[in-house]
Amino acid sequence: MKGNMQILTTMCALLCWMQPISSKKISDIFGPQQDANQVIPLSMVEDAVKDNYFEKELTSEIFGKAWKQAKDCATRSLERKRKEDVALTENHMQAICLYTSDYEKFYKKFNEAVRTNRKIYGTCFPFHSLHFWLTSAVQILNNNKMCTTTYRRTNDIYDTNDKMIRFGFFASSSYTTDLTQFGNKSCFKIKTCFGAFLKDYPHLGSNEQEVLIPPYEKFTITKAKNRFVKGLTDCEIIYNLESAGVESNLDCRAAK
């Protein structure tokens, strides 16, 4: 028990330290498990889960099975790991593989839990360990906090009167603008400074050129003045997101 508490305290300290207060298919990024064409509010997603981790979920039927099926992908990813990513462990790779796979739509269940379960995070939130390994992987892959421009397409419709938003869950985006199979009703041009390029480590390799954005990054949001953004000219609405730092509303109470 003492050892488990020490592990939890270390996990908590890692995320609290990096959060100063201030996929999975790309079509499912914003508002997981929502019906297509539904009007979805964009806000600061106050109920997002971002701060504490446990490792006991491996014994659960849902997470345990999903984690196990990502093993082969993780092994392949480790074999092609790049020198600059030496800090990535098998657990990091397995988390990336699980999140980017389509296995039983697990990514939807996970993102919905992250997005809505802040109030139960210290008690029965079911995916602490996956949350930790994904967060850690993103930090390792972008340890210099390099800013980059990415894109996202969807057939969802969004309702926002806010000038500042955050995804509130792990959000996939892409370096490419031509993934038209994911929609054209709402498109996003995103400048992220805390997201990380997953390289060829995802379940589908580098096919989608995926950049994973963490739940705690916040953005200023504006509608494009016109729809003539290169590569997105077929989109009905284009939102410009500009990184504005990070924000966390949680503390480390679960480690006490």
C-alpha atoms as a PDB file:
ATOM      1  CA  MET A   1       0.000   0.000   0.000  1.00  0.00           C
ATOM      2  CA  LYS A   2       2.829   2.402   0.883  1.00  0.00           C
ATOM      3  CA  GLY A   3       4.508   1.662  -2.435  1.00  0.00           C
ATOM      4  CA  ASN A   4       1.313   2.360  -4.337  1.00  0.00           C
ATOM      5  CA  MET A   5       0.889   5.696  -2.593  1.00  0.00           C
ATOM      6  CA  GLN A   6       4.472   6.658  -3.467  1.00  0.00           C
ATOM      7  CA  ILE A   7       3.816   5.820  -7.122  1.00  0.00           C
ATOM      8  CA  LEU A   8       0.598   7.845  -7.096  1.00  0.00           C
ATOM      9  CA  THR A   9       2.308  10.824  -5.451  1.00  0.00           C
ATOM     10  CA  THR A  10       5.042  10.743  -8.103  1.00  0.00           C
ATOM     11  CA  MET A  11       2.475  10.599 -10.911  1.00  0.00           C
ATOM     12  CA  CYS A  12       0.519  13.454  -9.413  1.00  0.00           C
ATOM     13  CA  ALA A  13       3.611  15.586  -8.928  1.00  0.00           C
ATOM     14  CA  LEU A  14       4.603  15.116 -12.571  1.00  0.00           C
ATOM     15  CA  LEU A  15       1.352  16.446 -13.981  1.00  0.00           C
ATOM     16  CA  CYS A  16       0.835  19.179 -11.400  1.00  0.00           C
ATOM     17  CA  TRP A  17       4.374  20.415 -12.086  1.00  0.00           C
ATOM     18  CA  MET A  18       3.810  20.804 -15.808  1.00  0.00           C
ATOM     19  CA  GLN A  19       0.392  22.487 -15.521  1.00  0.00           C
ATOM     20  CA  PRO A  20       0.750  26.074 -14.247  1.00  0.00           C
ATOM     21  CA  ILE A  21      -2.693  27.555 -13.695  1.00  0.00           C
ATOM     22  CA  SER A  22      -3.007  30.239 -16.293  1.00  0.00           C
ATOM     23  CA  SER A  23      -8.109   9.649 -32.346  1.00  0.00           C
ATOM     24  CA  LYS A  24      -9.631   6.971 -32.461  1.00  0.00           C
ATOM     25  CA  LYS A  25     -10.569   8.543 -35.637  1.00  0.00           C
ATOM     26  CA  ILE A  26     -10.140  12.166 -36.382  1.00  0.00           C
ATOM     27  CA  SER A  27     -13.878  12.545 -37.001  1.00  0.00           C
ATOM     28  CA  ASP A  28     -14.545  11.789 -33.326  1.00  0.00           C
ATOM     29  CA  ILE A  29     -12.157  14.287 -31.794  1.00  0.00           C
ATOM     30  CA  PHE A  30     -14.370  17.125 -30.569  1.00  0.00           C
ATOM     31  CA  GLY A  31     -17.180  15.813 -28.422  1.00  0.00           C
ATOM     32  CA  PRO A  32     -16.653  12.038 -28.337  1.00  0.00           C
ATOM     33  CA  GLN A  33     -19.711   9.806 -28.705  1.00  0.00           C
ATOM     34  CA  GLN A  34     -21.824  12.642 -30.126  1.00  0.00           C
ATOM     35  CA  ASP A  35     -24.180  12.094 -33.034  1.00  0.00           C
ATOM     36  CA  ALA A  36     -23.172  13.597 -36.364  1.00  0.00           C
ATOM     37  CA  ASN A  37     -24.673  17.040 -37.024  1.00  0.00           C
ATOM     38  CA  GLN A  38     -25.448  17.589 -33.338  1.00  0.00           C
ATOM     39  CA  VAL A  39     -24.806  21.115 -32.052  1.00  0.00           C
ATOM     40  CA  ILE A  40     -22.024  20.786 -29.486  1.00  0.00           C
ATOM     41  CA  PRO A  41     -21.032  23.547 -27.032  1.00  0.00           C
ATOM     42  CA  LEU A  42     -17.363  24.533 -27.002  1.00  0.00           C
ATOM     43  CA  SER A  43     -16.212  25.687 -23.590  1.00  0.00           C
ATOM     44  CA  MET A  44     -13.434  25.249 -21.062  1.00  0.00           C
ATOM     45  CA  VAL A  45     -14.776  21.726 -20.369  1.00  0.00           C
ATOM     46  CA  GLU A  46     -14.722  22.121 -16.596  1.00  0.00           C
ATOM     47  CA  ASP A  47     -15.346  18.427 -15.976  1.00  0.00           C
ATOM     48  CA  ALA A  48     -12.260  17.224 -17.836  1.00  0.00           C
ATOM     49  CA  VAL A  49      -9.949  14.832 -15.992  1.00  0.00           C
ATOM     50  CA  LYS A  50      -6.293  15.786 -16.005  1.00  0.00           C
ATOM     51  CA  ASP A  51      -4.432  15.385 -12.736  1.00  0.00           C
ATOM     52  CA  ASN A  52      -4.079  12.004 -10.918  1.00  0.00           C
ATOM     53  CA  TYR A  53      -3.256   8.425 -11.854  1.00  0.00           C
ATOM     54  CA  PHE A  54      -3.501   4.851 -10.601  1.00  0.00           C
ATOM     55  CA  GLU A  55      -2.335   1.587 -12.140  1.00  0.00           C
ATOM     56  CA  LYS A  56      -4.953  -0.810 -10.829  1.00  0.00           C
ATOM     57  CA  GLU A  57      -7.115  -0.608 -13.974  1.00  0.00           C
ATOM     58  CA  LEU A  58      -5.160  -3.411 -15.610  1.00  0.00           C
ATOM     59  CA  THR A  59      -7.217  -5.828 -13.526  1.00  0.00           C
ATOM     60  CA  SER A  60     -10.502  -4.538 -14.928  1.00  0.00           C
ATOM     61  CA  GLU A  61     -12.183  -6.429 -17.742  1.00  0.00           C
ATOM     62  CA  ILE A  62     -12.695  -3.452 -20.059  1.00  0.00           C
ATOM     63  CA  PHE A  63      -9.299  -1.802 -19.735  1.00  0.00           C
ATOM     64  CA  GLY A  64      -7.347  -5.002 -19.168  1.00  0.00           C
ATOM     65  CA  LYS A  65      -8.538  -6.599 -22.420  1.00  0.00           C
ATOM     66  CA  ALA A  66      -8.026  -3.435 -24.432  1.00  0.00           C
ATOM     67  CA  TRP A  67      -4.528  -2.921 -23.049  1.00  0.00           C
ATOM     68  CA  LYS A  68      -3.551  -6.495 -23.820  1.00  0.00           C
ATOM     69  CA  GLN A  69      -4.632  -6.297 -27.479  1.00  0.00           C
ATOM     70  CA  ALA A  70      -2.314  -3.290 -27.978  1.00  0.00           C
ATOM     71  CA  LYS A  71       0.738  -5.340 -26.998  1.00  0.00           C
ATOM     72  CA  ASP A  72       1.788  -6.418 -30.514  1.00  0.00           C
ATOM     73  CA  CYS A  73       1.520  -2.873 -31.838  1.00  0.00           C
ATOM     74  CA  ALA A  74       3.633  -1.617 -28.926  1.00  0.00           C
ATOM     75  CA  THR A  75       6.300  -4.216 -29.678  1.00  0.00           C
ATOM     76  CA  ARG A  76       6.471  -3.079 -33.313  1.00  0.00           C
ATOM     77  CA  SER A  77       6.639   0.561 -32.264  1.00  0.00           C
ATOM     78  CA  LEU A  78       9.505  -0.140 -29.883  1.00  0.00           C
ATOM     79  CA  GLU A  79      11.439  -1.792 -32.699  1.00  0.00           C
ATOM     80  CA  ARG A  80      11.249   1.380 -34.793  1.00  0.00           C
ATOM     81  CA  LYS A  81      11.693   3.841 -31.934  1.00  0.00           C
ATOM     82  CA  ARG A  82      13.814   6.802 -32.928  1.00  0.00           C
ATOM     83  CA  LYS A  83      16.955   7.778 -31.037  1.00  0.00           C
ATOM     84  CA  GLU A  84      15.522  11.069 -29.856  1.00  0.00           C
ATOM     85  CA  ASP A  85      12.619   9.202 -28.228  1.00  0.00           C
ATOM     86  CA  VAL A  86      14.788   7.106 -25.928  1.00  0.00           C
ATOM     87  CA  ALA A  87      12.603   8.014 -22.931  1.00  0.00           C
ATOM     88  CA  LEU A  88       9.550   6.293 -24.428  1.00  0.00           C
ATOM     89  CA  THR A  89       8.920   2.974 -22.702  1.00  0.00           C
ATOM     90  CA  GLU A  90       6.810  -0.001 -23.695  1.00  0.00           C
ATOM     91  CA  ASN A  91       3.966   1.412 -21.601  1.00  0.00           C
ATOM     92  CA  HIS A  92       4.095   4.691 -23.505  1.00  0.00           C
ATOM     93  CA  MET A  93       3.963   2.835 -26.817  1.00  0.00           C
ATOM     94  CA  GLN A  94       1.142   0.603 -25.632  1.00  0.00           C
ATOM     95  CA  ALA A  95      -0.888   3.620 -24.546  1.00  0.00           C
ATOM     96  CA  ILE A  96      -0.409   5.263 -27.957  1.00  0.00           C
ATOM     97  CA  CYS A  97      -1.325   2.036 -29.738  1.00  0.00           C
ATOM     98  CA  LEU A  98      -4.449   1.513 -27.644  1.00  0.00           C
ATOM     99  CA  TYR A  99      -5.684   5.062 -28.009  1.00  0.00           C
ATOM    100  CA  THR A 100      -5.165   5.150 -31.769  1.00  0.00           C
ATOM    101  CA  SER A 101      -6.665   1.723 -32.431  1.00  0.00           C
ATOM    102  CA  ASP A 102     -10.310   1.109 -33.274  1.00  0.00           C
ATOM    103  CA  TYR A 103     -10.610  -1.768 -30.787  1.00  0.00           C
ATOM    104  CA  GLU A 104     -14.222  -1.807 -29.561  1.00  0.00           C
ATOM    105  CA  LYS A 105     -14.246   1.987 -29.912  1.00  0.00           C
ATOM    106  CA  PHE A 106     -12.267   2.108 -26.677  1.00  0.00           C
ATOM    107  CA  TYR A 107     -10.946   5.592 -27.444  1.00  0.00           C
ATOM    108  CA  LYS A 108     -14.530   6.905 -27.307  1.00  0.00           C
ATOM    109  CA  LYS A 109     -15.136   5.411 -23.861  1.00  0.00           C
ATOM    110  CA  PHE A 110     -11.828   6.775 -22.621  1.00  0.00           C
ATOM    111  CA  ASN A 111     -12.308  10.285 -23.980  1.00  0.00           C
ATOM    112  CA  GLU A 112     -15.868  10.479 -22.685  1.00  0.00           C
ATOM    113  CA  ALA A 113     -14.616   9.524 -19.221  1.00  0.00           C
ATOM    114  CA  VAL A 114     -11.809  12.096 -19.354  1.00  0.00           C
ATOM    115  CA  ARG A 115     -14.183  14.775 -20.577  1.00  0.00           C
ATOM    116  CA  THR A 116     -16.954  14.271 -18.017  1.00  0.00           C
ATOM    117  CA  ASN A 117     -15.606  12.501 -14.931  1.00  0.00           C
ATOM    118  CA  ARG A 118     -13.582  15.163 -13.123  1.00  0.00           C
ATOM    119  CA  LYS A 119     -15.729  14.896  -9.994  1.00  0.00           C
ATOM    120  CA  ILE A 120     -15.017  11.169  -9.551  1.00  0.00           C
ATOM    121  CA  TYR A 121     -11.378  11.263 -10.640  1.00  0.00           C
ATOM    122  CA  GLY A 122      -9.971  10.570  -7.182  1.00  0.00           C
ATOM    123  CA  THR A 123     -12.281   7.608  -6.575  1.00  0.00           C
ATOM    124  CA  CYS A 124     -13.654   5.487  -9.404  1.00  0.00           C
ATOM    125  CA  PHE A 125     -12.364   7.045 -12.633  1.00  0.00           C
ATOM    126  CA  PRO A 126     -11.468   3.852 -14.547  1.00  0.00           C
ATOM    127  CA  PHE A 127      -8.519   4.891 -16.719  1.00  0.00           C
ATOM    128  CA  HIS A 128      -5.901   6.626 -14.553  1.00  0.00           C
ATOM    129  CA  SER A 129      -2.962   4.652 -15.911  1.00  0.00           C
ATOM    130  CA  LEU A 130      -3.790   5.203 -19.585  1.00  0.00           C
ATOM    131  CA  HIS A 131      -4.291   8.897 -18.869  1.00  0.00           C
ATOM    132  CA  PHE A 132      -0.854   9.013 -17.245  1.00  0.00           C
ATOM    133  CA  TRP A 133       1.022   7.163 -19.993  1.00  0.00           C
ATOM    134  CA  LEU A 134      -0.573   9.244 -22.763  1.00  0.00           C
ATOM    135  CA  THR A 135       0.206  12.492 -20.953  1.00  0.00           C
ATOM    136  CA  SER A 136       3.771  11.396 -20.346  1.00  0.00           C
ATOM    137  CA  ALA A 137       4.201  10.280 -23.976  1.00  0.00           C
ATOM    138  CA  VAL A 138       2.980  13.640 -25.285  1.00  0.00           C
ATOM    139  CA  GLN A 139       5.414  15.457 -22.989  1.00  0.00           C
ATOM    140  CA  ILE A 140       8.328  13.285 -24.107  1.00  0.00           C
ATOM    141  CA  LEU A 141       7.529  13.638 -27.806  1.00  0.00           C
ATOM    142  CA  ASN A 142       7.315  17.428 -27.495  1.00  0.00           C
ATOM    143  CA  ASN A 143       9.640  18.081 -24.591  1.00  0.00           C
ATOM    144  CA  ASN A 144      10.741  21.388 -26.118  1.00  0.00           C
ATOM    145  CA  LYS A 145       7.131  22.576 -26.415  1.00  0.00           C
ATOM    146  CA  MET A 146       7.562  23.331 -30.102  1.00  0.00           C
ATOM    147  CA  CYS A 147       4.528  24.950 -31.697  1.00  0.00           C
ATOM    148  CA  THR A 148       3.097  23.453 -34.864  1.00  0.00           C
ATOM    149  CA  THR A 149       0.076  23.897 -37.123  1.00  0.00           C
ATOM    150  CA  THR A 150      -2.359  21.011 -37.482  1.00  0.00           C
ATOM    151  CA  TYR A 151      -5.822  20.447 -38.912  1.00  0.00           C
ATOM    152  CA  ARG A 152      -8.998  18.635 -38.138  1.00  0.00           C
ATOM    153  CA  ARG A 153     -12.191  17.881 -40.052  1.00  0.00           C
ATOM    154  CA  THR A 154     -15.597  16.828 -38.768  1.00  0.00           C
ATOM    155  CA  ASN A 155     -19.260  16.683 -39.711  1.00  0.00           C
ATOM    156  CA  ASP A 156     -20.230  17.909 -36.234  1.00  0.00           C
ATOM    157  CA  ILE A 157     -21.665  21.386 -35.705  1.00  0.00           C
ATOM    158  CA  TYR A 158     -20.283  23.469 -32.844  1.00  0.00           C
ATOM    159  CA  ASP A 159     -21.812  26.240 -30.788  1.00  0.00           C
ATOM    160  CA  THR A 160     -19.344  28.599 -29.164  1.00  0.00           C
ATOM    161  CA  ASN A 161     -19.591  32.093 -27.759  1.00  0.00           C
ATOM    162  CA  ASP A 162     -16.355  31.685 -25.841  1.00  0.00           C
ATOM    163  CA  LYS A 163     -13.082  33.355 -26.747  1.00  0.00           C
ATOM    164  CA  MET A 164     -11.109  30.659 -24.940  1.00  0.00           C
ATOM    165  CA  ILE A 165     -11.662  26.917 -25.150  1.00  0.00           C
ATOM    166  CA  ARG A 166      -9.902  23.652 -24.478  1.00  0.00           C
ATOM    167  CA  PHE A 167     -10.611  20.183 -25.762  1.00  0.00           C
ATOM    168  CA  GLY A 168     -10.828  18.685 -22.272  1.00  0.00           C
ATOM    169  CA  PHE A 169      -9.756  15.268 -23.543  1.00  0.00           C
ATOM    170  CA  PHE A 170      -6.957  13.851 -25.693  1.00  0.00           C
ATOM    171  CA  ALA A 171      -7.669  15.331 -29.105  1.00  0.00           C
ATOM    172  CA  SER A 172      -6.287  14.033 -32.366  1.00  0.00           C
ATOM    173  CA  SER A 173      -5.342  16.350 -35.191  1.00  0.00           C
ATOM    174  CA  SER A 174      -3.316  15.931 -38.368  1.00  0.00           C
ATOM    175  CA  TYR A 175      -0.561  17.633 -40.316  1.00  0.00           C
ATOM    176  CA  THR A 176      -2.593  17.018 -43.470  1.00  0.00           C
ATOM    177  CA  THR A 177      -5.679  18.888 -44.640  1.00  0.00           C
ATOM    178  CA  ASP A 178      -6.962  16.315 -47.116  1.00  0.00           C
ATOM    179  CA  LEU A 179      -8.581  13.755 -44.808  1.00  0.00           C
ATOM    180  CA  THR A 180     -11.923  14.614 -46.382  1.00  0.00           C
ATOM    181  CA  GLN A 181     -13.493  11.322 -45.326  1.00  0.00           C
ATOM    182  CA  PHE A 182     -13.859  12.789 -41.851  1.00  0.00           C
ATOM    183  CA  GLY A 183     -16.131  15.634 -42.888  1.00  0.00           C
ATOM    184  CA  ASN A 184     -16.364  19.254 -43.991  1.00  0.00           C
ATOM    185  CA  LYS A 185     -19.090  20.885 -41.860  1.00  0.00           C
ATOM    186  CA  SER A 186     -16.653  22.180 -39.219  1.00  0.00           C
ATOM    187  CA  CYS A 187     -12.908  22.335 -39.803  1.00  0.00           C
ATOM    188  CA  PHE A 188     -10.128  23.522 -37.545  1.00  0.00           C
ATOM    189  CA  LYS A 189      -6.764  25.098 -38.172  1.00  0.00           C
ATOM    190  CA  ILE A 190      -4.891  24.626 -34.911  1.00  0.00           C
ATOM    191  CA  LYS A 191      -1.667  26.105 -33.613  1.00  0.00           C
ATOM    192  CA  THR A 192      -0.696  23.780 -30.770  1.00  0.00           C
ATOM    193  CA  CYS A 193       2.368  24.204 -28.578  1.00  0.00           C
ATOM    194  CA  PHE A 194       1.748  21.256 -26.252  1.00  0.00           C
ATOM    195  CA  GLY A 195       0.534  18.650 -28.728  1.00  0.00           C
ATOM    196  CA  ALA A 196       2.938  16.004 -30.013  1.00  0.00           C
ATOM    197  CA  PHE A 197       3.467  14.348 -33.379  1.00  0.00           C
ATOM    198  CA  LEU A 198       3.026  10.591 -32.832  1.00  0.00           C
ATOM    199  CA  LYS A 199       5.267   9.748 -35.809  1.00  0.00           C
ATOM    200  CA  ASP A 200       4.831   6.130 -36.909  1.00  0.00           C
ATOM    201  CA  TYR A 201       3.995   4.848 -33.420  1.00  0.00           C
ATOM    202  CA  PRO A 202       0.157   4.745 -33.748  1.00  0.00           C
ATOM    203  CA  HIS A 203      -1.827   1.646 -34.639  1.00  0.00           C
ATOM    204  CA  LEU A 204      -2.006   2.751 -38.289  1.00  0.00           C
ATOM    205  CA  GLY A 205       1.579   3.950 -38.392  1.00  0.00           C
ATOM    206  CA  SER A 206       2.061   7.380 -39.929  1.00  0.00           C
ATOM    207  CA  ASN A 207      -0.943   7.168 -42.277  1.00  0.00           C
ATOM    208  CA  GLU A 208      -2.887   9.962 -40.579  1.00  0.00           C
ATOM    209  CA  GLN A 209       0.141  12.108 -39.601  1.00  0.00           C
ATOM    210  CA  GLU A 210      -1.411  12.359 -36.166  1.00  0.00           C
ATOM    211  CA  VAL A 211      -0.651  15.066 -33.625  1.00  0.00           C
ATOM    212  CA  LEU A 212      -2.160  14.390 -30.195  1.00  0.00           C
ATOM    213  CA  ILE A 213      -3.257  17.426 -28.185  1.00  0.00           C
ATOM    214  CA  PRO A 214      -3.499  17.019 -24.372  1.00  0.00           C
ATOM    215  CA  PRO A 215      -6.657  17.929 -22.412  1.00  0.00           C
ATOM    216  CA  TYR A 216      -5.050  20.797 -20.526  1.00  0.00           C
ATOM    217  CA  GLU A 217      -3.951  22.947 -23.485  1.00  0.00           C
ATOM    218  CA  LYS A 218      -6.202  25.973 -23.941  1.00  0.00           C
ATOM    219  CA  PHE A 219      -6.778  27.973 -27.103  1.00  0.00           C
ATOM    220  CA  THR A 220      -8.158  31.262 -28.276  1.00  0.00           C
ATOM    221  CA  ILE A 221     -10.834  30.554 -30.877  1.00  0.00           C
ATOM    222  CA  THR A 222     -12.037  32.625 -33.805  1.00  0.00           C
ATOM    223  CA  LYS A 223     -13.988  31.881 -36.942  1.00  0.00           C
ATOM    224  CA  ALA A 224     -12.037  32.370 -40.136  1.00  0.00           C
ATOM    225  CA  LYS A 225     -13.106  35.514 -41.969  1.00  0.00           C
ATOM    226  CA  ASN A 226     -13.500  33.469 -45.107  1.00  0.00           C
ATOM    227  CA  ARG A 227     -13.424  29.823 -46.085  1.00  0.00           C
ATOM    228  CA  PHE A 228     -10.386  30.106 -48.302  1.00  0.00           C
ATOM    229  CA  VAL A 229      -7.856  28.430 -46.035  1.00  0.00           C
ATOM    230  CA  LYS A 230      -5.501  26.352 -48.131  1.00  0.00           C
ATOM    231  CA  GLY A 231      -6.605  22.727 -48.100  1.00  0.00           C
ATOM    232  CA  LEU A 232      -9.909  23.523 -46.364  1.00  0.00           C
ATOM    233  CA  THR A 233     -11.807  25.348 -49.102  1.00  0.00           C
ATOM    234  CA  ASP A 234     -14.587  22.749 -49.052  1.00  0.00           C
ATOM    235  CA  CYS A 235     -15.316  23.340 -45.346  1.00  0.00           C
ATOM    236  CA  GLU A 236     -18.558  25.097 -44.365  1.00  0.00           C
ATOM    237  CA  ILE A 237     -17.065  26.678 -41.223  1.00  0.00           C
ATOM    238  CA  ILE A 238     -13.409  27.050 -40.296  1.00  0.00           C
ATOM    239  CA  TYR A 239     -12.266  27.752 -36.741  1.00  0.00           C
ATOM    240  CA  ASN A 240      -8.807  29.089 -35.967  1.00  0.00           C
ATOM    241  CA  LEU A 241      -7.376  27.855 -32.673  1.00  0.00           C
ATOM    242  CA  GLU A 242      -4.266  29.505 -31.233  1.00  0.00           C
ATOM    243  CA  SER A 243      -2.479  27.997 -28.235  1.00  0.00           C
ATOM    244  CA  ALA A 244      -2.841  30.124 -25.096  1.00  0.00           C
ATOM    245  CA  GLY A 245      -0.953  28.000 -22.593  1.00  0.00           C
ATOM    246  CA  VAL A 246      -2.349  25.399 -20.234  1.00  0.00           C
ATOM    247  CA  GLU A 247      -4.963  25.285 -17.505  1.00  0.00           C
ATOM    248  CA  SER A 248      -5.925  22.780 -14.846  1.00  0.00           C
ATOM    249  CA  ASN A 249      -8.776  23.070 -12.357  1.00  0.00           C
ATOM    250  CA  LEU A 250      -7.835  19.990 -10.343  1.00  0.00           C
ATOM    251  CA  ASP A 251      -5.471  19.459  -7.442  1.00  0.00           C
ATOM    252  CA  CYS A 252      -3.716  16.357  -6.195  1.00  0.00           C
ATOM    253  CA  ARG A 253      -6.211  15.377  -3.513  1.00  0.00           C
ATOM    254  CA  ALA A 254      -6.194  11.725  -4.581  1.00  0.00           C
ATOM    255  CA  ALA A 255      -2.583  11.424  -3.455  1.00  0.00           C
ATOM    256  CA  LYS A 256      -3.245  12.580   0.091  1.00  0.00           C
END
